[in-house]
Amino acid sequence: MKKGIHPEYREVVFQDLSSDFAILTRSTADSKDTIKWEDGNEYPLIKVDVSSASHPFYTGKHKVLDSGGRVDRFKKRYGK
Protein backbone atom coordinates (compact mmCIF):
# COMPACT_ATOMS: atom_id res chain seq x y z
CA MET A 1 0.00 0.00 0.00
CA LYS A 2 1.11 3.54 -0.68
CA LYS A 3 2.19 5.63 2.28
CA GLY A 4 0.28 8.77 3.21
CA ILE A 5 -2.90 8.26 1.16
CA HIS A 6 -4.95 6.24 3.60
CA PRO A 7 -7.03 7.91 6.33
CA GLU A 8 -5.90 7.50 9.90
CA TYR A 9 -8.02 5.43 12.28
CA ARG A 10 -8.60 7.09 15.62
CA GLU A 11 -10.91 6.58 18.55
CA VAL A 12 -14.27 8.37 18.23
CA VAL A 13 -17.58 8.28 20.07
CA PHE A 14 -20.77 7.56 18.13
CA GLN A 15 -23.86 8.92 19.90
CA ASP A 16 -27.43 7.99 18.97
CA LEU A 17 -29.60 11.11 19.09
CA SER A 18 -32.90 9.22 19.48
CA SER A 19 -31.79 7.13 22.47
CA ASP A 20 -29.33 7.41 25.33
CA PHE A 21 -26.68 5.26 23.67
CA ALA A 22 -23.05 6.00 22.89
CA ILE A 23 -20.15 3.77 21.92
CA LEU A 24 -16.42 4.35 21.77
CA THR A 25 -14.87 2.78 18.69
CA ARG A 26 -12.29 3.45 16.00
CA SER A 27 -13.20 5.25 12.79
CA THR A 28 -11.86 7.50 10.05
CA ALA A 29 -14.86 9.83 10.36
CA ASP A 30 -14.04 13.46 11.13
CA SER A 31 -15.91 15.72 13.55
CA LYS A 32 -15.49 19.13 15.11
CA ASP A 33 -17.60 18.18 18.16
CA THR A 34 -15.97 16.50 21.13
CA ILE A 35 -17.21 14.68 24.21
CA LYS A 36 -15.62 13.67 27.49
CA TRP A 37 -15.85 9.87 27.77
CA GLU A 38 -16.10 7.67 30.88
CA ASP A 39 -12.32 7.21 31.05
CA GLY A 40 -11.80 10.97 31.41
CA ASN A 41 -10.38 11.52 27.93
CA GLU A 42 -11.91 13.75 25.27
CA TYR A 43 -12.82 12.18 21.92
CA PRO A 44 -14.39 13.42 18.66
CA LEU A 45 -18.18 13.01 18.67
CA ILE A 46 -20.15 11.65 15.70
CA LYS A 47 -23.92 12.11 16.07
CA VAL A 48 -26.14 9.52 14.34
CA ASP A 49 -29.92 9.39 13.97
CA VAL A 50 -30.29 5.61 14.11
CA SER A 51 -28.18 2.93 15.75
CA SER A 52 -28.73 -0.61 16.96
CA ALA A 53 -30.18 0.87 20.17
CA SER A 54 -33.01 2.64 18.34
CA HIS A 55 -33.54 0.73 15.07
CA PRO A 56 -36.83 -1.23 15.05
CA PHE A 57 -35.16 -4.35 13.62
CA TYR A 58 -32.82 -4.64 16.61
CA THR A 59 -35.18 -3.39 19.32
CA GLY A 60 -38.29 -5.26 18.20
CA LYS A 61 -40.34 -2.11 18.64
CA HIS A 62 -42.07 -0.77 15.56
CA LYS A 63 -42.68 2.98 15.45
CA VAL A 64 -45.39 4.22 13.13
CA LEU A 65 -44.07 7.40 11.59
CA ASP A 66 -46.65 7.80 8.87
CA SER A 67 -50.20 6.55 9.37
CA GLY A 68 -51.27 7.23 5.79
CA GLY A 69 -49.42 6.45 2.61
CA ARG A 70 -48.05 9.00 0.19
CA VAL A 71 -50.75 8.24 -2.37
CA ASP A 72 -53.49 8.75 0.23
CA ARG A 73 -52.00 12.07 1.28
CA PHE A 74 -51.79 13.18 -2.36
CA LYS A 75 -55.42 12.23 -3.00
CA LYS A 76 -56.52 13.99 0.17
CA ARG A 77 -54.61 17.13 -0.72
CA TYR A 78 -55.29 17.37 -4.46
CA GLY A 79 -57.82 14.73 -5.35
CA LYS A 80 -61.48 14.20 -4.83
PDB file of N, CA and C in Angstrom:
ATOM      1  N   MET A   1       0.828  -1.181   0.000  1.00  0.00           N
ATOM      2  CA  MET A   1       0.000   0.000   0.000  1.00  0.00           C
ATOM      3  C   MET A   1       0.875   1.248   0.000  1.00  0.00           C
ATOM      4  N   LYS A   2       0.377   2.288  -0.637  1.00  0.00           N
ATOM      5  CA  LYS A   2       1.111   3.541  -0.684  1.00  0.00           C
ATOM      6  C   LYS A   2       1.042   4.248   0.664  1.00  0.00           C
ATOM      7  N   LYS A   3       2.114   4.891   1.016  1.00  0.00           N
ATOM      8  CA  LYS A   3       2.190   5.629   2.278  1.00  0.00           C
ATOM      9  C   LYS A   3       1.526   6.993   2.118  1.00  0.00           C
ATOM     10  N   GLY A   4       0.812   7.429   3.157  1.00  0.00           N
ATOM     11  CA  GLY A   4       0.282   8.771   3.211  1.00  0.00           C
ATOM     12  C   GLY A   4      -1.032   9.024   2.492  1.00  0.00           C
ATOM     13  N   ILE A   5      -1.641   8.022   1.862  1.00  0.00           N
ATOM     14  CA  ILE A   5      -2.901   8.263   1.155  1.00  0.00           C
ATOM     15  C   ILE A   5      -4.104   7.690   1.883  1.00  0.00           C
ATOM     16  N   HIS A   6      -3.860   6.873   2.882  1.00  0.00           N
ATOM     17  CA  HIS A   6      -4.953   6.236   3.603  1.00  0.00           C
ATOM     18  C   HIS A   6      -5.320   7.045   4.843  1.00  0.00           C
ATOM     19  N   PRO A   7      -6.626   7.147   5.145  1.00  0.00           N
ATOM     20  CA  PRO A   7      -7.027   7.906   6.333  1.00  0.00           C
ATOM     21  C   PRO A   7      -6.557   7.213   7.611  1.00  0.00           C
ATOM     22  N   GLU A   8      -6.380   8.016   8.623  1.00  0.00           N
ATOM     23  CA  GLU A   8      -5.900   7.503   9.904  1.00  0.00           C
ATOM     24  C   GLU A   8      -7.080   7.084  10.776  1.00  0.00           C
ATOM     25  N   TYR A   9      -7.011   5.878  11.322  1.00  0.00           N
ATOM     26  CA  TYR A   9      -8.020   5.428  12.282  1.00  0.00           C
ATOM     27  C   TYR A   9      -7.711   6.044  13.629  1.00  0.00           C
ATOM     28  N   ARG A  10      -8.757   6.544  14.270  1.00  0.00           N
ATOM     29  CA  ARG A  10      -8.602   7.092  15.622  1.00  0.00           C
ATOM     30  C   ARG A  10      -9.861   6.758  16.410  1.00  0.00           C
ATOM     31  N   GLU A  11      -9.761   6.889  17.702  1.00  0.00           N
ATOM     32  CA  GLU A  11     -10.905   6.584  18.550  1.00  0.00           C
ATOM     33  C   GLU A  11     -11.902   7.737  18.490  1.00  0.00           C
ATOM     34  N   VAL A  12     -13.178   7.398  18.273  1.00  0.00           N
ATOM     35  CA  VAL A  12     -14.266   8.375  18.234  1.00  0.00           C
ATOM     36  C   VAL A  12     -15.452   7.808  18.993  1.00  0.00           C
ATOM     37  N   VAL A  13     -16.369   8.690  19.395  1.00  0.00           N
ATOM     38  CA  VAL A  13     -17.583   8.282  20.074  1.00  0.00           C
ATOM     39  C   VAL A  13     -18.758   8.512  19.124  1.00  0.00           C
ATOM     40  N   PHE A  14     -19.541   7.454  18.894  1.00  0.00           N
ATOM     41  CA  PHE A  14     -20.772   7.561  18.130  1.00  0.00           C
ATOM     42  C   PHE A  14     -21.913   7.660  19.125  1.00  0.00           C
ATOM     43  N   GLN A  15     -22.747   8.698  18.982  1.00  0.00           N
ATOM     44  CA  GLN A  15     -23.860   8.917  19.905  1.00  0.00           C
ATOM     45  C   GLN A  15     -25.165   8.906  19.122  1.00  0.00           C
ATOM     46  N   ASP A  16     -26.110   8.074  19.579  1.00  0.00           N
ATOM     47  CA  ASP A  16     -27.427   7.989  18.972  1.00  0.00           C
ATOM     48  C   ASP A  16     -28.279   9.123  19.532  1.00  0.00           C
ATOM     49  N   LEU A  17     -28.822   9.960  18.646  1.00  0.00           N
ATOM     50  CA  LEU A  17     -29.603  11.108  19.090  1.00  0.00           C
ATOM     51  C   LEU A  17     -31.003  10.733  19.564  1.00  0.00           C
ATOM     52  N   SER A  18     -31.532   9.592  19.107  1.00  0.00           N
ATOM     53  CA  SER A  18     -32.897   9.219  19.478  1.00  0.00           C
ATOM     54  C   SER A  18     -32.956   8.331  20.717  1.00  0.00           C
ATOM     55  N   SER A  19     -31.818   7.919  21.227  1.00  0.00           N
ATOM     56  CA  SER A  19     -31.793   7.134  22.467  1.00  0.00           C
ATOM     57  C   SER A  19     -30.560   7.553  23.268  1.00  0.00           C
ATOM     58  N   ASP A  20     -30.473   7.085  24.473  1.00  0.00           N
ATOM     59  CA  ASP A  20     -29.334   7.414  25.329  1.00  0.00           C
ATOM     60  C   ASP A  20     -28.274   6.331  25.167  1.00  0.00           C
ATOM     61  N   PHE A  21     -27.653   6.293  23.983  1.00  0.00           N
ATOM     62  CA  PHE A  21     -26.678   5.258  23.665  1.00  0.00           C
ATOM     63  C   PHE A  21     -25.466   5.891  23.011  1.00  0.00           C
ATOM     64  N   ALA A  22     -24.301   5.523  23.483  1.00  0.00           N
ATOM     65  CA  ALA A  22     -23.049   5.999  22.889  1.00  0.00           C
ATOM     66  C   ALA A  22     -22.042   4.864  22.964  1.00  0.00           C
ATOM     67  N   ILE A  23     -21.158   4.819  21.971  1.00  0.00           N
ATOM     68  CA  ILE A  23     -20.150   3.767  21.922  1.00  0.00           C
ATOM     69  C   ILE A  23     -18.823   4.370  21.477  1.00  0.00           C
ATOM     70  N   LEU A  24     -17.769   3.935  22.123  1.00  0.00           N
ATOM     71  CA  LEU A  24     -16.418   4.351  21.770  1.00  0.00           C
ATOM     72  C   LEU A  24     -15.834   3.295  20.851  1.00  0.00           C
ATOM     73  N   THR A  25     -15.427   3.707  19.665  1.00  0.00           N
ATOM     74  CA  THR A  25     -14.866   2.779  18.691  1.00  0.00           C
ATOM     75  C   THR A  25     -13.847   3.519  17.838  1.00  0.00           C
ATOM     76  N   ARG A  26     -13.259   2.828  16.892  1.00  0.00           N
ATOM     77  CA  ARG A  26     -12.287   3.445  15.995  1.00  0.00           C
ATOM     78  C   ARG A  26     -12.943   3.723  14.655  1.00  0.00           C
ATOM     79  N   SER A  27     -12.608   4.863  14.065  1.00  0.00           N
ATOM     80  CA  SER A  27     -13.198   5.246  12.787  1.00  0.00           C
ATOM     81  C   SER A  27     -12.299   6.262  12.098  1.00  0.00           C
ATOM     82  N   THR A  28     -12.542   6.453  10.801  1.00  0.00           N
ATOM     83  CA  THR A  28     -11.856   7.500  10.048  1.00  0.00           C
ATOM     84  C   THR A  28     -12.726   8.736   9.916  1.00  0.00           C
ATOM     85  N   ALA A  29     -13.940   8.704  10.455  1.00  0.00           N
ATOM     86  CA  ALA A  29     -14.861   9.831  10.364  1.00  0.00           C
ATOM     87  C   ALA A  29     -14.287  11.040  11.099  1.00  0.00           C
ATOM     88  N   ASP A  30     -14.563  12.231  10.565  1.00  0.00           N
ATOM     89  CA  ASP A  30     -14.040  13.460  11.131  1.00  0.00           C
ATOM     90  C   ASP A  30     -15.174  14.260  11.769  1.00  0.00           C
ATOM     91  N   SER A  31     -14.895  14.921  12.859  1.00  0.00           N
ATOM     92  CA  SER A  31     -15.906  15.715  13.548  1.00  0.00           C
ATOM     93  C   SER A  31     -15.245  16.867  14.279  1.00  0.00           C
ATOM     94  N   LYS A  32     -15.978  17.986  14.353  1.00  0.00           N
ATOM     95  CA  LYS A  32     -15.489  19.134  15.109  1.00  0.00           C
ATOM     96  C   LYS A  32     -15.983  19.091  16.546  1.00  0.00           C
ATOM     97  N   ASP A  33     -17.061  18.323  16.805  1.00  0.00           N
ATOM     98  CA  ASP A  33     -17.599  18.185  18.155  1.00  0.00           C
ATOM     99  C   ASP A  33     -16.759  17.200  18.954  1.00  0.00           C
ATOM    100  N   THR A  34     -16.680  17.426  20.247  1.00  0.00           N
ATOM    101  CA  THR A  34     -15.971  16.499  21.131  1.00  0.00           C
ATOM    102  C   THR A  34     -16.839  16.186  22.337  1.00  0.00           C
ATOM    103  N   ILE A  35     -16.492  15.089  23.009  1.00  0.00           N
ATOM    104  CA  ILE A  35     -17.212  14.679  24.210  1.00  0.00           C
ATOM    105  C   ILE A  35     -16.211  14.070  25.182  1.00  0.00           C
ATOM    106  N   LYS A  36     -16.456  14.287  26.460  1.00  0.00           N
ATOM    107  CA  LYS A  36     -15.619  13.671  27.490  1.00  0.00           C
ATOM    108  C   LYS A  36     -16.195  12.292  27.793  1.00  0.00           C
ATOM    109  N   TRP A  37     -15.409  11.252  27.614  1.00  0.00           N
ATOM    110  CA  TRP A  37     -15.850   9.874  27.770  1.00  0.00           C
ATOM    111  C   TRP A  37     -15.651   9.429  29.210  1.00  0.00           C
ATOM    112  N   GLU A  38     -16.125   8.226  29.521  1.00  0.00           N
ATOM    113  CA  GLU A  38     -16.100   7.671  30.879  1.00  0.00           C
ATOM    114  C   GLU A  38     -14.692   7.532  31.444  1.00  0.00           C
ATOM    115  N   ASP A  39     -13.696   7.372  30.574  1.00  0.00           N
ATOM    116  CA  ASP A  39     -12.323   7.211  31.045  1.00  0.00           C
ATOM    117  C   ASP A  39     -11.624   8.542  31.322  1.00  0.00           C
ATOM    118  N   GLY A  40     -12.353   9.661  31.125  1.00  0.00           N
ATOM    119  CA  GLY A  40     -11.798  10.970  31.406  1.00  0.00           C
ATOM    120  C   GLY A  40     -11.151  11.649  30.218  1.00  0.00           C
ATOM    121  N   ASN A  41     -10.972  10.937  29.121  1.00  0.00           N
ATOM    122  CA  ASN A  41     -10.376  11.515  27.925  1.00  0.00           C
ATOM    123  C   ASN A  41     -11.442  12.154  27.047  1.00  0.00           C
ATOM    124  N   GLU A  42     -11.011  13.069  26.190  1.00  0.00           N
ATOM    125  CA  GLU A  42     -11.915  13.746  25.272  1.00  0.00           C
ATOM    126  C   GLU A  42     -11.723  13.165  23.871  1.00  0.00           C
ATOM    127  N   TYR A  43     -12.851  12.812  23.231  1.00  0.00           N
ATOM    128  CA  TYR A  43     -12.819  12.180  21.919  1.00  0.00           C
ATOM    129  C   TYR A  43     -13.730  12.940  20.948  1.00  0.00           C
ATOM    130  N   PRO A  44     -13.456  12.837  19.647  1.00  0.00           N
ATOM    131  CA  PRO A  44     -14.388  13.415  18.661  1.00  0.00           C
ATOM    132  C   PRO A  44     -15.748  12.737  18.762  1.00  0.00           C
ATOM    133  N   LEU A  45     -16.820  13.505  18.536  1.00  0.00           N
ATOM    134  CA  LEU A  45     -18.182  13.007  18.666  1.00  0.00           C
ATOM    135  C   LEU A  45     -18.862  12.984  17.308  1.00  0.00           C
ATOM    136  N   ILE A  46     -19.383  11.813  16.920  1.00  0.00           N
ATOM    137  CA  ILE A  46     -20.153  11.654  15.698  1.00  0.00           C
ATOM    138  C   ILE A  46     -21.590  11.383  16.114  1.00  0.00           C
ATOM    139  N   LYS A  47     -22.515  12.262  15.711  1.00  0.00           N
ATOM    140  CA  LYS A  47     -23.924  12.107  16.066  1.00  0.00           C
ATOM    141  C   LYS A  47     -24.640  11.365  14.947  1.00  0.00           C
ATOM    142  N   VAL A  48     -25.385  10.312  15.315  1.00  0.00           N
ATOM    143  CA  VAL A  48     -26.137   9.517  14.342  1.00  0.00           C
ATOM    144  C   VAL A  48     -27.613   9.510  14.734  1.00  0.00           C
ATOM    145  N   ASP A  49     -28.472   9.413  13.726  1.00  0.00           N
ATOM    146  CA  ASP A  49     -29.916   9.393  13.974  1.00  0.00           C
ATOM    147  C   ASP A  49     -30.416   8.019  14.392  1.00  0.00           C
ATOM    148  N   VAL A  50     -29.827   6.969  13.835  1.00  0.00           N
ATOM    149  CA  VAL A  50     -30.288   5.609  14.106  1.00  0.00           C
ATOM    150  C   VAL A  50     -29.087   4.721  14.393  1.00  0.00           C
ATOM    151  N   SER A  51     -29.200   3.921  15.428  1.00  0.00           N
ATOM    152  CA  SER A  51     -28.176   2.928  15.749  1.00  0.00           C
ATOM    153  C   SER A  51     -28.878   1.634  16.141  1.00  0.00           C
ATOM    154  N   SER A  52     -28.116   0.654  16.553  1.00  0.00           N
ATOM    155  CA  SER A  52     -28.727  -0.612  16.964  1.00  0.00           C
ATOM    156  C   SER A  52     -29.596  -0.441  18.209  1.00  0.00           C
ATOM    157  N   ALA A  53     -29.385   0.622  18.967  1.00  0.00           N
ATOM    158  CA  ALA A  53     -30.181   0.867  20.174  1.00  0.00           C
ATOM    159  C   ALA A  53     -31.548   1.456  19.859  1.00  0.00           C
ATOM    160  N   SER A  54     -31.727   2.013  18.653  1.00  0.00           N
ATOM    161  CA  SER A  54     -33.005   2.640  18.336  1.00  0.00           C
ATOM    162  C   SER A  54     -33.658   2.096  17.066  1.00  0.00           C
ATOM    163  N   HIS A  55     -32.967   1.260  16.311  1.00  0.00           N
ATOM    164  CA  HIS A  55     -33.536   0.733  15.071  1.00  0.00           C
ATOM    165  C   HIS A  55     -34.581  -0.338  15.391  1.00  0.00           C
ATOM    166  N   PRO A  56     -35.762  -0.270  14.745  1.00  0.00           N
ATOM    167  CA  PRO A  56     -36.834  -1.232  15.046  1.00  0.00           C
ATOM    168  C   PRO A  56     -36.441  -2.695  14.821  1.00  0.00           C
ATOM    169  N   PHE A  57     -35.569  -2.971  13.867  1.00  0.00           N
ATOM    170  CA  PHE A  57     -35.163  -4.354  13.623  1.00  0.00           C
ATOM    171  C   PHE A  57     -34.439  -4.941  14.838  1.00  0.00           C
ATOM    172  N   TYR A  58     -33.596  -4.157  15.471  1.00  0.00           N
ATOM    173  CA  TYR A  58     -32.816  -4.640  16.613  1.00  0.00           C
ATOM    174  C   TYR A  58     -33.574  -4.552  17.929  1.00  0.00           C
ATOM    175  N   THR A  59     -34.463  -3.571  18.056  1.00  0.00           N
ATOM    176  CA  THR A  59     -35.176  -3.394  19.319  1.00  0.00           C
ATOM    177  C   THR A  59     -36.463  -4.197  19.386  1.00  0.00           C
ATOM    178  N   GLY A  60     -37.021  -4.541  18.226  1.00  0.00           N
ATOM    179  CA  GLY A  60     -38.285  -5.262  18.200  1.00  0.00           C
ATOM    180  C   GLY A  60     -39.483  -4.360  18.388  1.00  0.00           C
ATOM    181  N   LYS A  61     -39.260  -3.083  18.475  1.00  0.00           N
ATOM    182  CA  LYS A  61     -40.337  -2.106  18.640  1.00  0.00           C
ATOM    183  C   LYS A  61     -40.540  -1.394  17.314  1.00  0.00           C
ATOM    184  N   HIS A  62     -41.761  -1.405  16.835  1.00  0.00           N
ATOM    185  CA  HIS A  62     -42.069  -0.769  15.565  1.00  0.00           C
ATOM    186  C   HIS A  62     -42.717   0.579  15.832  1.00  0.00           C
ATOM    187  N   LYS A  63     -42.117   1.642  15.305  1.00  0.00           N
ATOM    188  CA  LYS A  63     -42.682   2.977  15.452  1.00  0.00           C
ATOM    189  C   LYS A  63     -43.409   3.333  14.160  1.00  0.00           C
ATOM    190  N   VAL A  64     -44.636   3.788  14.286  1.00  0.00           N
ATOM    191  CA  VAL A  64     -45.392   4.223  13.125  1.00  0.00           C
ATOM    192  C   VAL A  64     -45.111   5.703  12.927  1.00  0.00           C
ATOM    193  N   LEU A  65     -44.395   6.011  11.861  1.00  0.00           N
ATOM    194  CA  LEU A  65     -44.071   7.398  11.587  1.00  0.00           C
ATOM    195  C   LEU A  65     -45.104   8.054  10.691  1.00  0.00           C
ATOM    196  N   ASP A  66     -45.715   7.257   9.837  1.00  0.00           N
ATOM    197  CA  ASP A  66     -46.654   7.797   8.866  1.00  0.00           C
ATOM    198  C   ASP A  66     -47.869   6.891   8.835  1.00  0.00           C
ATOM    199  N   SER A  67     -49.006   7.393   9.303  1.00  0.00           N
ATOM    200  CA  SER A  67     -50.200   6.549   9.371  1.00  0.00           C
ATOM    201  C   SER A  67     -50.847   6.375   8.012  1.00  0.00           C
ATOM    202  N   GLY A  68     -50.722   7.341   7.133  1.00  0.00           N
ATOM    203  CA  GLY A  68     -51.273   7.229   5.793  1.00  0.00           C
ATOM    204  C   GLY A  68     -50.166   7.174   4.770  1.00  0.00           C
ATOM    205  N   GLY A  69     -50.429   6.542   3.649  1.00  0.00           N
ATOM    206  CA  GLY A  69     -49.422   6.448   2.612  1.00  0.00           C
ATOM    207  C   GLY A  69     -49.299   7.736   1.828  1.00  0.00           C
ATOM    208  N   ARG A  70     -48.284   7.795   0.984  1.00  0.00           N
ATOM    209  CA  ARG A  70     -48.052   8.997   0.189  1.00  0.00           C
ATOM    210  C   ARG A  70     -49.170   9.213  -0.818  1.00  0.00           C
ATOM    211  N   VAL A  71     -49.666   8.124  -1.398  1.00  0.00           N
ATOM    212  CA  VAL A  71     -50.754   8.242  -2.372  1.00  0.00           C
ATOM    213  C   VAL A  71     -52.011   8.776  -1.704  1.00  0.00           C
ATOM    214  N   ASP A  72     -52.318   8.279  -0.508  1.00  0.00           N
ATOM    215  CA  ASP A  72     -53.488   8.755   0.229  1.00  0.00           C
ATOM    216  C   ASP A  72     -53.378  10.237   0.575  1.00  0.00           C
ATOM    217  N   ARG A  73     -52.201  10.642   0.983  1.00  0.00           N
ATOM    218  CA  ARG A  73     -52.004  12.066   1.283  1.00  0.00           C
ATOM    219  C   ARG A  73     -52.158  12.919   0.036  1.00  0.00           C
ATOM    220  N   PHE A  74     -51.650  12.441  -1.103  1.00  0.00           N
ATOM    221  CA  PHE A  74     -51.785  13.180  -2.364  1.00  0.00           C
ATOM    222  C   PHE A  74     -53.245  13.319  -2.745  1.00  0.00           C
ATOM    223  N   LYS A  75     -53.991  12.203  -2.662  1.00  0.00           N
ATOM    224  CA  LYS A  75     -55.415  12.233  -3.001  1.00  0.00           C
ATOM    225  C   LYS A  75     -56.178  13.167  -2.071  1.00  0.00           C
ATOM    226  N   LYS A  76     -55.825  13.145  -0.802  1.00  0.00           N
ATOM    227  CA  LYS A  76     -56.516  13.992   0.167  1.00  0.00           C
ATOM    228  C   LYS A  76     -56.232  15.470  -0.124  1.00  0.00           C
ATOM    229  N   ARG A  77     -55.008  15.756  -0.488  1.00  0.00           N
ATOM    230  CA  ARG A  77     -54.613  17.133  -0.719  1.00  0.00           C
ATOM    231  C   ARG A  77     -55.123  17.681  -2.067  1.00  0.00           C
ATOM    232  N   TYR A  78     -54.984  16.876  -3.131  1.00  0.00           N
ATOM    233  CA  TYR A  78     -55.289  17.372  -4.464  1.00  0.00           C
ATOM    234  C   TYR A  78     -56.462  16.683  -5.158  1.00  0.00           C
ATOM    235  N   GLY A  79     -56.802  15.516  -4.670  1.00  0.00           N
ATOM    236  CA  GLY A  79     -57.823  14.734  -5.355  1.00  0.00           C
ATOM    237  C   GLY A  79     -59.213  14.986  -4.826  1.00  0.00           C
ATOM    238  N   LYS A  80     -60.074  14.097  -5.230  1.00  0.00           N
ATOM    239  CA  LYS A  80     -61.483  14.200  -4.827  1.00  0.00           C
ATOM    240  C   LYS A  80     -61.748  13.430  -3.572  1.00  0.00           C
TER     241      LYS A  80
END
